[in-house]
Amino acid sequence: MYYIGPHVSIGGGVANAPKNAKALGATGFGMFVKNQRQWTAAPYTPADIEAFKQQMAADGYTAAQVMPHAGYLINLANPDEEAHAKSMGALIDEIRRCMALGLDKLNFHPGSHLRKLTPEAACARVAQSINAALAQTQDVTLVIENTAGSGGHLGAPFEEIRAIIDGVDDQTRVGVCLDTMHAFAAGFDLRTRDGFLTTMEHFDRTVGFSYLRGMHLNDSKVALNSRVDRHESLGQGLLGIEVFRCIMTDARFKNMPLVLETPNEELWEQEIQQLMAMQ
């Protein structure tokens, strides 16, 4: 089964995430586990946790269908010790929130070296940070997202993702989320079937499909190799629709969250139906 759906809001309570996804006909979804632009948030109450679990069961979702996304402020590559410690505290808090909710993944951006470290040193710092976070938590896989590569952000070349994974002690608790728009902006030409297959072969050789835990399905407002992160609705950007047809007819992408992060919420239900019709 293909687990398709948008990144839904938790406004009004975390239990609203599965409810919002179900209302759109989604078979999977993404969500934040707290406000993504703040360092801290009030802890969940037992009632919050129970309401989420009950709503998940009522709407027919399991943890396999959900890709939680960590907050945007977290930067595990930050060379400043105080700022890095703040990121670590936020990450560990979010992993523990996933644990409380019964969710088994947490997607995060690997971060930026801020042009103060070499990419190699920054990848090693991220790996060390993952090791520290995993040592203090259980059951949740940290899922590294590829990036467009702007501003010293790691993860545009697949080799950097591989370097991070190589530094992780428990590789059973690390995975990868591929964002189509980020890959296109990083120079991977996914506009044709041949380009898609070439990119996936490169990913498999460099990282390995066994690490893939989900995808973000986004068209692009910006050109190939632009190194800028600008999402567009499906079929309305410079990436085009063929890559999504490739994904929806490739069994390797079944049974993992395929999350829309497209900008027009009014089109989400239509985009879900459009993707499902491609199977």
C-alpha atoms as a PDB file:
ATOM      1  CA  MET A   1       0.000   0.000   0.000  1.00  0.00           C
ATOM      2  CA  TYR A   2       1.153   3.543  -0.712  1.00  0.00           C
ATOM      3  CA  TYR A   3       0.946   5.790   2.373  1.00  0.00           C
ATOM      4  CA  ILE A   4       0.127   9.176   0.857  1.00  0.00           C
ATOM      5  CA  GLY A   5      -0.878  12.390   2.570  1.00  0.00           C
ATOM      6  CA  PRO A   6       0.150  15.930   3.457  1.00  0.00           C
ATOM      7  CA  HIS A   7       1.998  17.383   6.402  1.00  0.00           C
ATOM      8  CA  VAL A   8      -1.018  18.153   8.583  1.00  0.00           C
ATOM      9  CA  SER A   9      -1.520  20.615  11.427  1.00  0.00           C
ATOM     10  CA  ILE A  10      -1.538  19.720  15.123  1.00  0.00           C
ATOM     11  CA  GLY A  11      -3.262  23.010  15.950  1.00  0.00           C
ATOM     12  CA  GLY A  12      -5.768  22.594  18.749  1.00  0.00           C
ATOM     13  CA  GLY A  13      -4.096  19.433  20.000  1.00  0.00           C
ATOM     14  CA  VAL A  14      -1.853  16.680  18.687  1.00  0.00           C
ATOM     15  CA  ALA A  15      -4.861  14.351  18.270  1.00  0.00           C
ATOM     16  CA  ASN A  16      -6.040  16.598  15.433  1.00  0.00           C
ATOM     17  CA  ALA A  17      -3.223  15.358  13.171  1.00  0.00           C
ATOM     18  CA  PRO A  18      -4.783  11.992  12.266  1.00  0.00           C
ATOM     19  CA  LYS A  19      -8.243  13.586  12.199  1.00  0.00           C
ATOM     20  CA  ASN A  20      -7.051  16.231   9.707  1.00  0.00           C
ATOM     21  CA  ALA A  21      -5.370  13.590   7.542  1.00  0.00           C
ATOM     22  CA  LYS A  22      -8.454  11.370   7.489  1.00  0.00           C
ATOM     23  CA  ALA A  23     -10.644  14.277   6.399  1.00  0.00           C
ATOM     24  CA  LEU A  24      -8.515  14.595   3.255  1.00  0.00           C
ATOM     25  CA  GLY A  25      -8.623  10.894   2.405  1.00  0.00           C
ATOM     26  CA  ALA A  26      -4.944  10.457   3.255  1.00  0.00           C
ATOM     27  CA  THR A  27      -3.448   6.990   3.745  1.00  0.00           C
ATOM     28  CA  GLY A  28      -0.388   8.475   5.500  1.00  0.00           C
ATOM     29  CA  PHE A  29       0.723  11.859   6.770  1.00  0.00           C
ATOM     30  CA  GLY A  30       3.467  14.052   8.188  1.00  0.00           C
ATOM     31  CA  MET A  31       3.249  16.150  11.352  1.00  0.00           C
ATOM     32  CA  PHE A  32       5.258  18.147  13.847  1.00  0.00           C
ATOM     33  CA  VAL A  33       5.240  16.995  17.455  1.00  0.00           C
ATOM     34  CA  LYS A  34       5.458  20.581  18.735  1.00  0.00           C
ATOM     35  CA  ASN A  35       5.705  24.082  17.273  1.00  0.00           C
ATOM     36  CA  GLN A  36       8.437  23.772  14.657  1.00  0.00           C
ATOM     37  CA  ARG A  37       9.719  27.325  15.100  1.00  0.00           C
ATOM     38  CA  GLN A  38      10.125  27.317  18.881  1.00  0.00           C
ATOM     39  CA  TRP A  39      12.779  25.679  21.013  1.00  0.00           C
ATOM     40  CA  THR A  40      10.470  24.479  23.752  1.00  0.00           C
ATOM     41  CA  ALA A  41       6.832  23.608  24.299  1.00  0.00           C
ATOM     42  CA  ALA A  42       4.656  22.451  27.169  1.00  0.00           C
ATOM     43  CA  PRO A  43       4.928  18.703  27.738  1.00  0.00           C
ATOM     44  CA  TYR A  44       2.095  16.465  26.619  1.00  0.00           C
ATOM     45  CA  THR A  45      -0.412  15.593  29.280  1.00  0.00           C
ATOM     46  CA  PRO A  46      -1.531  11.989  29.709  1.00  0.00           C
ATOM     47  CA  ALA A  47      -4.834  13.099  28.182  1.00  0.00           C
ATOM     48  CA  ASP A  48      -3.041  14.460  25.084  1.00  0.00           C
ATOM     49  CA  ILE A  49      -1.249  11.163  24.576  1.00  0.00           C
ATOM     50  CA  GLU A  50      -4.349   9.032  25.083  1.00  0.00           C
ATOM     51  CA  ALA A  51      -6.411  11.231  22.754  1.00  0.00           C
ATOM     52  CA  PHE A  52      -3.781  10.905  19.999  1.00  0.00           C
ATOM     53  CA  LYS A  53      -3.583   7.127  20.326  1.00  0.00           C
ATOM     54  CA  GLN A  54      -7.350   6.769  20.328  1.00  0.00           C
ATOM     55  CA  GLN A  55      -7.705   9.030  17.276  1.00  0.00           C
ATOM     56  CA  MET A  56      -5.000   7.095  15.404  1.00  0.00           C
ATOM     57  CA  ALA A  57      -6.862   3.842  16.083  1.00  0.00           C
ATOM     58  CA  ALA A  58     -10.250   5.341  15.198  1.00  0.00           C
ATOM     59  CA  ASP A  59      -8.942   6.656  11.875  1.00  0.00           C
ATOM     60  CA  GLY A  60      -7.089   3.447  11.035  1.00  0.00           C
ATOM     61  CA  TYR A  61      -3.513   4.752  11.090  1.00  0.00           C
ATOM     62  CA  THR A  62      -0.410   3.038  12.458  1.00  0.00           C
ATOM     63  CA  ALA A  63       3.045   4.451  13.176  1.00  0.00           C
ATOM     64  CA  ALA A  64       4.250   3.019   9.844  1.00  0.00           C
ATOM     65  CA  GLN A  65       2.053   5.563   8.022  1.00  0.00           C
ATOM     66  CA  VAL A  66       3.356   8.646   9.845  1.00  0.00           C
ATOM     67  CA  MET A  67       6.528  10.698   9.344  1.00  0.00           C
ATOM     68  CA  PRO A  68       6.955  13.214  12.180  1.00  0.00           C
ATOM     69  CA  HIS A  69       9.234  16.132  11.300  1.00  0.00           C
ATOM     70  CA  ALA A  70      11.615  17.750  13.792  1.00  0.00           C
ATOM     71  CA  GLY A  71      11.663  21.492  14.373  1.00  0.00           C
ATOM     72  CA  TYR A  72      13.415  23.778  11.920  1.00  0.00           C
ATOM     73  CA  LEU A  73      15.690  25.380  14.543  1.00  0.00           C
ATOM     74  CA  ILE A  74      17.653  22.183  15.230  1.00  0.00           C
ATOM     75  CA  ASN A  75      21.172  22.217  13.757  1.00  0.00           C
ATOM     76  CA  LEU A  76      23.294  19.241  14.784  1.00  0.00           C
ATOM     77  CA  ALA A  77      26.221  20.517  12.680  1.00  0.00           C
ATOM     78  CA  ASN A  78      26.470  23.831  14.519  1.00  0.00           C
ATOM     79  CA  PRO A  79      30.094  24.320  15.667  1.00  0.00           C
ATOM     80  CA  ASP A  80      29.085  26.637  18.517  1.00  0.00           C
ATOM     81  CA  GLU A  81      28.859  24.511  21.655  1.00  0.00           C
ATOM     82  CA  GLU A  82      26.076  26.461  23.343  1.00  0.00           C
ATOM     83  CA  ALA A  83      23.915  26.543  20.196  1.00  0.00           C
ATOM     84  CA  HIS A  84      24.624  22.868  19.551  1.00  0.00           C
ATOM     85  CA  ALA A  85      23.575  21.933  23.080  1.00  0.00           C
ATOM     86  CA  LYS A  86      20.291  23.774  22.543  1.00  0.00           C
ATOM     87  CA  SER A  87      19.709  21.768  19.357  1.00  0.00           C
ATOM     88  CA  MET A  88      20.484  18.526  21.137  1.00  0.00           C
ATOM     89  CA  GLY A  89      18.031  19.315  23.929  1.00  0.00           C
ATOM     90  CA  ALA A  90      15.296  20.085  21.403  1.00  0.00           C
ATOM     91  CA  LEU A  91      15.983  16.930  19.392  1.00  0.00           C
ATOM     92  CA  ILE A  92      15.934  14.635  22.411  1.00  0.00           C
ATOM     93  CA  ASP A  93      12.697  16.259  23.605  1.00  0.00           C
ATOM     94  CA  GLU A  94      11.089  15.604  20.210  1.00  0.00           C
ATOM     95  CA  ILE A  95      12.267  11.982  20.117  1.00  0.00           C
ATOM     96  CA  ARG A  96      10.710  11.489  23.549  1.00  0.00           C
ATOM     97  CA  ARG A  97       7.469  13.045  22.306  1.00  0.00           C
ATOM     98  CA  CYS A  98       7.445  10.497  19.470  1.00  0.00           C
ATOM     99  CA  MET A  99       8.054   7.733  22.016  1.00  0.00           C
ATOM    100  CA  ALA A 100       5.126   8.936  24.126  1.00  0.00           C
ATOM    101  CA  LEU A 101       2.809   9.000  21.098  1.00  0.00           C
ATOM    102  CA  GLY A 102       3.899   5.556  19.905  1.00  0.00           C
ATOM    103  CA  LEU A 103       5.544   6.939  16.741  1.00  0.00           C
ATOM    104  CA  ASP A 104       8.672   5.205  15.494  1.00  0.00           C
ATOM    105  CA  LYS A 105      10.384   7.801  13.256  1.00  0.00           C
ATOM    106  CA  LEU A 106      11.574  11.416  13.461  1.00  0.00           C
ATOM    107  CA  ASN A 107      12.674  13.153  10.272  1.00  0.00           C
ATOM    108  CA  PHE A 108      15.232  15.965  10.585  1.00  0.00           C
ATOM    109  CA  HIS A 109      17.465  18.168   8.449  1.00  0.00           C
ATOM    110  CA  PRO A 110      21.126  17.342   9.105  1.00  0.00           C
ATOM    111  CA  GLY A 111      21.972  21.013   9.580  1.00  0.00           C
ATOM    112  CA  SER A 112      24.478  23.580   8.374  1.00  0.00           C
ATOM    113  CA  HIS A 113      28.182  23.901   9.131  1.00  0.00           C
ATOM    114  CA  LEU A 114      27.676  27.690   8.768  1.00  0.00           C
ATOM    115  CA  ARG A 115      30.875  27.679   6.714  1.00  0.00           C
ATOM    116  CA  LYS A 116      32.857  27.267   9.925  1.00  0.00           C
ATOM    117  CA  LEU A 117      33.601  23.550   9.529  1.00  0.00           C
ATOM    118  CA  THR A 118      34.528  21.394   6.589  1.00  0.00           C
ATOM    119  CA  PRO A 119      31.680  19.228   5.299  1.00  0.00           C
ATOM    120  CA  GLU A 120      33.602  16.169   6.531  1.00  0.00           C
ATOM    121  CA  ALA A 121      33.929  17.559  10.056  1.00  0.00           C
ATOM    122  CA  ALA A 122      30.299  18.665  10.041  1.00  0.00           C
ATOM    123  CA  CYS A 123      29.079  15.196   8.995  1.00  0.00           C
ATOM    124  CA  ALA A 124      31.102  13.677  11.820  1.00  0.00           C
ATOM    125  CA  ARG A 125      29.563  16.157  14.278  1.00  0.00           C
ATOM    126  CA  VAL A 126      26.058  15.219  13.133  1.00  0.00           C
ATOM    127  CA  ALA A 127      26.853  11.510  13.509  1.00  0.00           C
ATOM    128  CA  GLN A 128      28.195  12.073  17.029  1.00  0.00           C
ATOM    129  CA  SER A 129      25.040  14.014  17.862  1.00  0.00           C
ATOM    130  CA  ILE A 130      22.847  11.181  16.583  1.00  0.00           C
ATOM    131  CA  ASN A 131      24.805   8.728  18.734  1.00  0.00           C
ATOM    132  CA  ALA A 132      24.258  10.889  21.824  1.00  0.00           C
ATOM    133  CA  ALA A 133      20.534  11.279  21.107  1.00  0.00           C
ATOM    134  CA  LEU A 134      19.980   7.582  20.436  1.00  0.00           C
ATOM    135  CA  ALA A 135      21.823   6.650  23.633  1.00  0.00           C
ATOM    136  CA  GLN A 136      19.245   8.622  25.659  1.00  0.00           C
ATOM    137  CA  THR A 137      16.122   7.323  23.870  1.00  0.00           C
ATOM    138  CA  GLN A 138      14.533   4.122  22.597  1.00  0.00           C
ATOM    139  CA  ASP A 139      12.431   2.785  19.729  1.00  0.00           C
ATOM    140  CA  VAL A 140      12.545   5.846  17.436  1.00  0.00           C
ATOM    141  CA  THR A 141      14.575   5.928  14.199  1.00  0.00           C
ATOM    142  CA  LEU A 142      16.211   9.251  13.293  1.00  0.00           C
ATOM    143  CA  VAL A 143      15.535   9.897   9.604  1.00  0.00           C
ATOM    144  CA  ILE A 144      17.989  12.164   7.779  1.00  0.00           C
ATOM    145  CA  GLU A 145      16.483  14.319   5.025  1.00  0.00           C
ATOM    146  CA  ASN A 146      18.388  15.282   1.885  1.00  0.00           C
ATOM    147  CA  THR A 147      18.599  19.037   1.335  1.00  0.00           C
ATOM    148  CA  ALA A 148      18.845  21.562  -1.482  1.00  0.00           C
ATOM    149  CA  GLY A 149      22.322  22.458  -0.214  1.00  0.00           C
ATOM    150  CA  SER A 150      22.010  26.196   0.376  1.00  0.00           C
ATOM    151  CA  GLY A 151      23.848  28.044   3.133  1.00  0.00           C
ATOM    152  CA  GLY A 152      26.259  25.280   4.080  1.00  0.00           C
ATOM    153  CA  HIS A 153      23.454  22.774   4.649  1.00  0.00           C
ATOM    154  CA  LEU A 154      24.587  19.172   4.604  1.00  0.00           C
ATOM    155  CA  GLY A 155      22.841  16.378   2.745  1.00  0.00           C
ATOM    156  CA  ALA A 156      22.608  17.638  -0.840  1.00  0.00           C
ATOM    157  CA  PRO A 157      25.141  15.056  -2.084  1.00  0.00           C
ATOM    158  CA  PHE A 158      24.139  11.539  -1.089  1.00  0.00           C
ATOM    159  CA  GLU A 159      27.766  10.981  -0.101  1.00  0.00           C
ATOM    160  CA  GLU A 160      27.281  13.340   2.867  1.00  0.00           C
ATOM    161  CA  ILE A 161      24.274  11.336   4.059  1.00  0.00           C
ATOM    162  CA  ARG A 162      26.361   8.168   3.759  1.00  0.00           C
ATOM    163  CA  ALA A 163      29.179   9.789   5.736  1.00  0.00           C
ATOM    164  CA  ILE A 164      26.757  10.615   8.562  1.00  0.00           C
ATOM    165  CA  ILE A 165      25.349   7.083   8.619  1.00  0.00           C
ATOM    166  CA  ASP A 166      28.869   5.625   8.655  1.00  0.00           C
ATOM    167  CA  GLY A 167      29.513   7.507  11.902  1.00  0.00           C
ATOM    168  CA  VAL A 168      26.385   6.200  13.649  1.00  0.00           C
ATOM    169  CA  ASP A 169      26.944   3.357  16.101  1.00  0.00           C
ATOM    170  CA  ASP A 170      23.435   1.854  15.932  1.00  0.00           C
ATOM    171  CA  GLN A 171      22.572   1.940  12.243  1.00  0.00           C
ATOM    172  CA  THR A 172      19.305   0.084  12.874  1.00  0.00           C
ATOM    173  CA  ARG A 173      17.965   3.380  14.262  1.00  0.00           C
ATOM    174  CA  VAL A 174      18.963   5.691  11.418  1.00  0.00           C
ATOM    175  CA  GLY A 175      17.238   6.159   8.074  1.00  0.00           C
ATOM    176  CA  VAL A 176      16.749   8.553   5.169  1.00  0.00           C
ATOM    177  CA  CYS A 177      13.868  10.607   3.774  1.00  0.00           C
ATOM    178  CA  LEU A 178      14.231  11.740   0.154  1.00  0.00           C
ATOM    179  CA  ASP A 179      12.623  15.034  -0.832  1.00  0.00           C
ATOM    180  CA  THR A 180      12.019  15.268  -4.588  1.00  0.00           C
ATOM    181  CA  MET A 181      12.257  19.062  -4.700  1.00  0.00           C
ATOM    182  CA  HIS A 182      15.451  19.141  -2.635  1.00  0.00           C
ATOM    183  CA  ALA A 183      17.044  16.500  -4.868  1.00  0.00           C
ATOM    184  CA  PHE A 184      16.153  18.483  -7.998  1.00  0.00           C
ATOM    185  CA  ALA A 185      17.559  21.711  -6.540  1.00  0.00           C
ATOM    186  CA  ALA A 186      20.711  19.790  -5.552  1.00  0.00           C
ATOM    187  CA  GLY A 187      21.313  18.794  -9.185  1.00  0.00           C
ATOM    188  CA  PHE A 188      19.524  15.451  -9.588  1.00  0.00           C
ATOM    189  CA  ASP A 189      17.453  15.656 -12.772  1.00  0.00           C
ATOM    190  CA  LEU A 190      14.264  13.780 -11.947  1.00  0.00           C
ATOM    191  CA  ARG A 191      12.174  15.179 -14.803  1.00  0.00           C
ATOM    192  CA  THR A 192      12.288  11.987 -16.871  1.00  0.00           C
ATOM    193  CA  ARG A 193      11.983   8.297 -16.066  1.00  0.00           C
ATOM    194  CA  ASP A 194      15.610   7.739 -17.068  1.00  0.00           C
ATOM    195  CA  GLY A 195      16.724  10.586 -14.807  1.00  0.00           C
ATOM    196  CA  PHE A 196      14.671   9.232 -11.919  1.00  0.00           C
ATOM    197  CA  LEU A 197      16.067   5.717 -12.300  1.00  0.00           C
ATOM    198  CA  THR A 198      19.631   7.039 -12.579  1.00  0.00           C
ATOM    199  CA  THR A 199      19.175   9.057  -9.378  1.00  0.00           C
ATOM    200  CA  MET A 200      17.692   6.117  -7.498  1.00  0.00           C
ATOM    201  CA  GLU A 201      20.542   3.852  -8.650  1.00  0.00           C
ATOM    202  CA  HIS A 202      23.023   6.438  -7.374  1.00  0.00           C
ATOM    203  CA  PHE A 203      21.163   6.621  -4.052  1.00  0.00           C
ATOM    204  CA  ASP A 204      21.174   2.831  -3.750  1.00  0.00           C
ATOM    205  CA  ARG A 205      24.899   2.579  -4.504  1.00  0.00           C
ATOM    206  CA  THR A 206      25.839   5.444  -2.205  1.00  0.00           C
ATOM    207  CA  VAL A 207      23.434   5.100   0.736  1.00  0.00           C
ATOM    208  CA  GLY A 208      21.336   1.978   0.149  1.00  0.00           C
ATOM    209  CA  PHE A 209      17.589   1.544  -0.280  1.00  0.00           C
ATOM    210  CA  SER A 210      17.499  -0.368   2.995  1.00  0.00           C
ATOM    211  CA  TYR A 211      17.834   2.996   4.768  1.00  0.00           C
ATOM    212  CA  LEU A 212      14.908   4.669   2.989  1.00  0.00           C
ATOM    213  CA  ARG A 213      12.086   5.346   5.465  1.00  0.00           C
ATOM    214  CA  GLY A 214       9.929   7.791   3.505  1.00  0.00           C
ATOM    215  CA  MET A 215       9.735  10.566   0.931  1.00  0.00           C
ATOM    216  CA  HIS A 216       8.573  14.151   0.638  1.00  0.00           C
ATOM    217  CA  LEU A 217       6.718  14.659  -2.641  1.00  0.00           C
ATOM    218  CA  ASN A 218       7.086  18.229  -3.861  1.00  0.00           C
ATOM    219  CA  ASP A 219       7.349  19.998  -7.206  1.00  0.00           C
ATOM    220  CA  SER A 220       9.856  22.848  -7.520  1.00  0.00           C
ATOM    221  CA  LYS A 221       9.548  26.597  -8.008  1.00  0.00           C
ATOM    222  CA  VAL A 222      13.256  26.760  -8.868  1.00  0.00           C
ATOM    223  CA  ALA A 223      15.476  25.311 -11.568  1.00  0.00           C
ATOM    224  CA  LEU A 224      17.678  22.230 -11.559  1.00  0.00           C
ATOM    225  CA  ASN A 225      20.814  22.675  -9.418  1.00  0.00           C
ATOM    226  CA  SER A 226      19.603  26.059  -8.096  1.00  0.00           C
ATOM    227  CA  ARG A 227      20.475  25.065  -4.483  1.00  0.00           C
ATOM    228  CA  VAL A 228      17.363  26.905  -3.265  1.00  0.00           C
ATOM    229  CA  ASP A 229      14.504  25.326  -1.277  1.00  0.00           C
ATOM    230  CA  ARG A 230      11.189  26.430  -2.832  1.00  0.00           C
ATOM    231  CA  HIS A 231       8.313  23.931  -3.009  1.00  0.00           C
ATOM    232  CA  GLU A 232       5.503  23.987  -5.588  1.00  0.00           C
ATOM    233  CA  SER A 233       2.234  22.087  -6.025  1.00  0.00           C
ATOM    234  CA  LEU A 234       2.428  18.865  -8.016  1.00  0.00           C
ATOM    235  CA  GLY A 235       2.657  19.391 -11.764  1.00  0.00           C
ATOM    236  CA  GLN A 236       2.814  23.184 -11.436  1.00  0.00           C
ATOM    237  CA  GLY A 237       6.575  23.587 -11.137  1.00  0.00           C
ATOM    238  CA  LEU A 238       9.822  23.024 -12.995  1.00  0.00           C
ATOM    239  CA  LEU A 239      10.192  19.430 -11.832  1.00  0.00           C
ATOM    240  CA  GLY A 240       6.974  18.254 -13.444  1.00  0.00           C
ATOM    241  CA  ILE A 241       4.713  15.270 -12.929  1.00  0.00           C
ATOM    242  CA  GLU A 242       6.698  12.303 -14.319  1.00  0.00           C
ATOM    243  CA  VAL A 243       8.779  11.748 -11.169  1.00  0.00           C
ATOM    244  CA  PHE A 244       5.623  11.206  -9.129  1.00  0.00           C
ATOM    245  CA  ARG A 245       4.314   8.706 -11.658  1.00  0.00           C
ATOM    246  CA  CYS A 246       7.635   6.872 -11.351  1.00  0.00           C
ATOM    247  CA  ILE A 247       7.321   6.722  -7.559  1.00  0.00           C
ATOM    248  CA  MET A 248       3.704   5.577  -7.623  1.00  0.00           C
ATOM    249  CA  THR A 249       4.480   2.680  -9.971  1.00  0.00           C
ATOM    250  CA  ASP A 250       7.585   1.489  -8.102  1.00  0.00           C
ATOM    251  CA  ALA A 251       6.972  -1.053  -5.340  1.00  0.00           C
ATOM    252  CA  ARG A 252      10.104   0.104  -3.487  1.00  0.00           C
ATOM    253  CA  PHE A 253       8.097   3.073  -2.225  1.00  0.00           C
ATOM    254  CA  LYS A 254       5.196   1.107  -0.780  1.00  0.00           C
ATOM    255  CA  ASN A 255       4.626   0.858   2.980  1.00  0.00           C
ATOM    256  CA  MET A 256       6.441   4.100   3.849  1.00  0.00           C
ATOM    257  CA  PRO A 257       5.116   7.649   4.332  1.00  0.00           C
ATOM    258  CA  LEU A 258       4.992   9.652   1.080  1.00  0.00           C
ATOM    259  CA  VAL A 259       4.340  13.118   2.455  1.00  0.00           C
ATOM    260  CA  LEU A 260       3.160  16.143   0.501  1.00  0.00           C
ATOM    261  CA  GLU A 261       4.751  19.412   1.612  1.00  0.00           C
ATOM    262  CA  THR A 262       3.228  21.362  -1.259  1.00  0.00           C
ATOM    263  CA  PRO A 263       2.276  24.990  -0.535  1.00  0.00           C
ATOM    264  CA  ASN A 264      -1.438  25.125  -1.456  1.00  0.00           C
ATOM    265  CA  GLU A 265      -3.489  23.340   1.211  1.00  0.00           C
ATOM    266  CA  GLU A 266      -6.608  23.682  -0.938  1.00  0.00           C
ATOM    267  CA  LEU A 267      -5.052  21.271  -3.441  1.00  0.00           C
ATOM    268  CA  TRP A 268      -3.997  18.567  -0.969  1.00  0.00           C
ATOM    269  CA  GLU A 269      -7.083  16.379  -1.369  1.00  0.00           C
ATOM    270  CA  GLN A 270      -6.796  16.651  -5.149  1.00  0.00           C
ATOM    271  CA  GLU A 271      -3.070  15.846  -5.031  1.00  0.00           C
ATOM    272  CA  ILE A 272      -3.707  12.727  -2.926  1.00  0.00           C
ATOM    273  CA  GLN A 273      -6.285  11.529  -5.447  1.00  0.00           C
ATOM    274  CA  GLN A 274      -3.969  12.385  -8.336  1.00  0.00           C
ATOM    275  CA  LEU A 275      -1.161  10.299  -6.860  1.00  0.00           C
ATOM    276  CA  MET A 276      -3.429   7.373  -6.028  1.00  0.00           C
ATOM    277  CA  ALA A 277      -4.731   7.333  -9.598  1.00  0.00           C
ATOM    278  CA  MET A 278      -1.149   6.862 -10.869  1.00  0.00           C
ATOM    279  CA  GLN A 279      -0.792   3.403  -9.264  1.00  0.00           C
END
